[in-house]
Amino acid sequence: MPHIVLEGPVDLPQFFSTHTSSAEEHPGKILKLQNSYISRDKNSVLIEALAVEGGPPNRFLVQVVRKGEKTTVKIYPGSDPEKTDGLKKILAIVAHRLKKGNPDSRYGSTNLQDYLL
């Protein structure tokens, strides 16, 4: 499964409160981040996402889960969308926004290194 781990402090309630819907256009694709939801314990955020890449739209949920000093950005495990370039790019966008808002964090283990550039 595609994932990105951030190591170090991450303020998920702050990330959630500043999240806004957005759309990015890249050659041959449109990537959208839409509504977000936070768990009661404030350790998990879900974000509705959409990747349009020439075929049918790929709709899925991005899950951001914090456990201690590690925060993982991944696809919500209750779904199994096609692992397209657009989906991987959306995960990287979310991870980049988390890191930008939490400058003391750093990228840890990932299988999406090429998408973080």
Protein backbone atom coordinates (compact mmCIF):
# COMPACT_ATOMS: atom_id res chain seq x y z
CA MET A 1 0.00 0.00 0.00
CA PRO A 2 1.31 3.47 -0.78
CA HIS A 3 2.19 5.43 2.35
CA ILE A 4 4.36 8.22 3.76
CA VAL A 5 5.48 8.40 7.39
CA LEU A 6 6.38 11.68 9.05
CA GLU A 7 8.56 11.44 12.14
CA GLY A 8 8.47 14.05 14.88
CA PRO A 9 5.75 16.31 16.20
CA VAL A 10 2.63 16.79 14.06
CA ASP A 11 -0.33 18.90 15.21
CA LEU A 12 -3.30 17.11 13.62
CA PRO A 13 -5.99 19.40 15.11
CA GLN A 14 -4.15 22.40 13.61
CA PHE A 15 -3.83 20.64 10.24
CA PHE A 16 -7.55 19.79 10.32
CA SER A 17 -8.59 23.34 11.25
CA THR A 18 -6.60 24.87 8.39
CA HIS A 19 -7.49 22.29 5.71
CA THR A 20 -9.41 23.75 2.79
CA SER A 21 -10.72 22.10 -0.33
CA SER A 22 -8.34 22.46 -3.23
CA ALA A 23 -7.76 21.34 -6.80
CA GLU A 24 -4.51 21.06 -8.71
CA GLU A 25 -4.16 20.57 -12.43
CA HIS A 26 -1.21 18.60 -13.76
CA PRO A 27 -0.65 17.44 -17.34
CA GLY A 28 -3.46 14.98 -18.05
CA LYS A 29 -4.91 14.99 -14.53
CA ILE A 30 -6.91 16.92 -11.98
CA LEU A 31 -6.31 16.21 -8.30
CA LYS A 32 -8.80 17.35 -5.66
CA LEU A 33 -8.80 17.34 -1.87
CA GLN A 34 -12.25 17.95 -0.48
CA ASN A 35 -13.95 17.65 2.92
CA SER A 36 -12.03 16.47 5.96
CA TYR A 37 -13.07 14.80 9.19
CA ILE A 38 -11.23 14.35 12.49
CA SER A 39 -11.68 11.58 15.04
CA ARG A 40 -12.84 12.30 18.58
CA ASP A 41 -9.40 11.55 20.00
CA LYS A 42 -7.87 13.96 17.42
CA ASN A 43 -5.33 11.32 16.29
CA SER A 44 -6.84 10.56 12.89
CA VAL A 45 -8.04 12.68 9.96
CA LEU A 46 -9.88 11.51 6.83
CA ILE A 47 -9.85 13.60 3.66
CA GLU A 48 -12.11 12.98 0.66
CA ALA A 49 -9.98 12.87 -2.49
CA LEU A 50 -10.56 12.65 -6.22
CA ALA A 51 -8.08 11.94 -9.03
CA VAL A 52 -9.24 12.40 -12.62
CA GLU A 53 -6.70 10.99 -15.06
CA GLY A 54 -8.49 10.47 -18.34
CA GLY A 55 -10.64 7.52 -17.28
CA PRO A 56 -13.36 7.26 -14.66
CA PRO A 57 -12.73 9.42 -11.58
CA ASN A 58 -10.82 7.66 -8.80
CA ARG A 59 -12.54 8.55 -5.50
CA PHE A 60 -10.96 7.55 -2.20
CA LEU A 61 -10.23 8.64 1.37
CA VAL A 62 -6.79 9.74 2.53
CA GLN A 63 -6.18 8.70 6.14
CA VAL A 64 -3.70 10.55 8.35
CA VAL A 65 -3.00 8.65 11.57
CA ARG A 66 -0.75 9.80 14.42
CA LYS A 67 0.74 7.24 16.81
CA GLY A 68 3.25 8.76 19.18
CA GLU A 69 5.91 10.60 17.21
CA LYS A 70 4.98 8.99 13.86
CA THR A 71 2.22 10.15 11.54
CA THR A 72 1.26 8.05 8.53
CA VAL A 73 -0.44 9.31 5.36
CA LYS A 74 -2.11 6.44 3.51
CA ILE A 75 -5.27 5.25 1.79
CA TYR A 76 -8.11 4.49 4.19
CA PRO A 77 -7.86 0.72 4.70
CA GLY A 78 -11.61 0.19 4.24
CA SER A 79 -11.25 0.92 0.53
CA ASP A 80 -9.21 -0.42 -2.36
CA PRO A 81 -8.95 2.22 -5.10
CA GLU A 82 -6.69 1.85 -8.11
CA LYS A 83 -3.15 2.93 -7.15
CA THR A 84 -2.69 5.49 -9.95
CA ASP A 85 -0.05 8.20 -10.25
CA GLY A 86 -2.72 10.75 -9.29
CA LEU A 87 -3.57 8.87 -6.08
CA LYS A 88 0.12 8.69 -5.14
CA LYS A 89 0.57 12.39 -5.91
CA ILE A 90 -2.40 13.25 -3.65
CA LEU A 91 -0.82 11.33 -0.76
CA ALA A 92 2.41 13.28 -1.35
CA ILE A 93 0.51 16.59 -1.40
CA VAL A 94 -1.09 15.81 1.97
CA ALA A 95 2.27 14.75 3.44
CA HIS A 96 3.91 17.93 2.12
CA ARG A 97 1.20 20.10 3.70
CA LEU A 98 1.63 18.29 7.02
CA LYS A 99 5.40 18.75 6.93
CA LYS A 100 5.09 22.41 5.92
CA GLY A 101 2.81 23.08 8.90
CA ASN A 102 5.08 21.10 11.24
CA PRO A 103 8.65 22.12 10.35
CA ASP A 104 10.20 20.03 13.14
CA SER A 105 8.91 16.84 11.46
CA ARG A 106 10.77 14.95 8.74
CA TYR A 107 9.95 12.31 6.17
CA GLY A 108 10.52 8.78 7.42
CA SER A 109 9.78 5.51 5.68
CA THR A 110 7.83 5.68 2.42
CA ASN A 111 7.34 3.85 -0.83
CA LEU A 112 6.47 7.15 -2.57
CA GLN A 113 9.88 8.87 -2.48
CA ASP A 114 9.66 9.90 -6.16
CA TYR A 115 6.38 11.76 -5.47
CA LEU A 116 7.79 13.85 -2.62
CA LEU A 117 10.07 15.92 -4.88
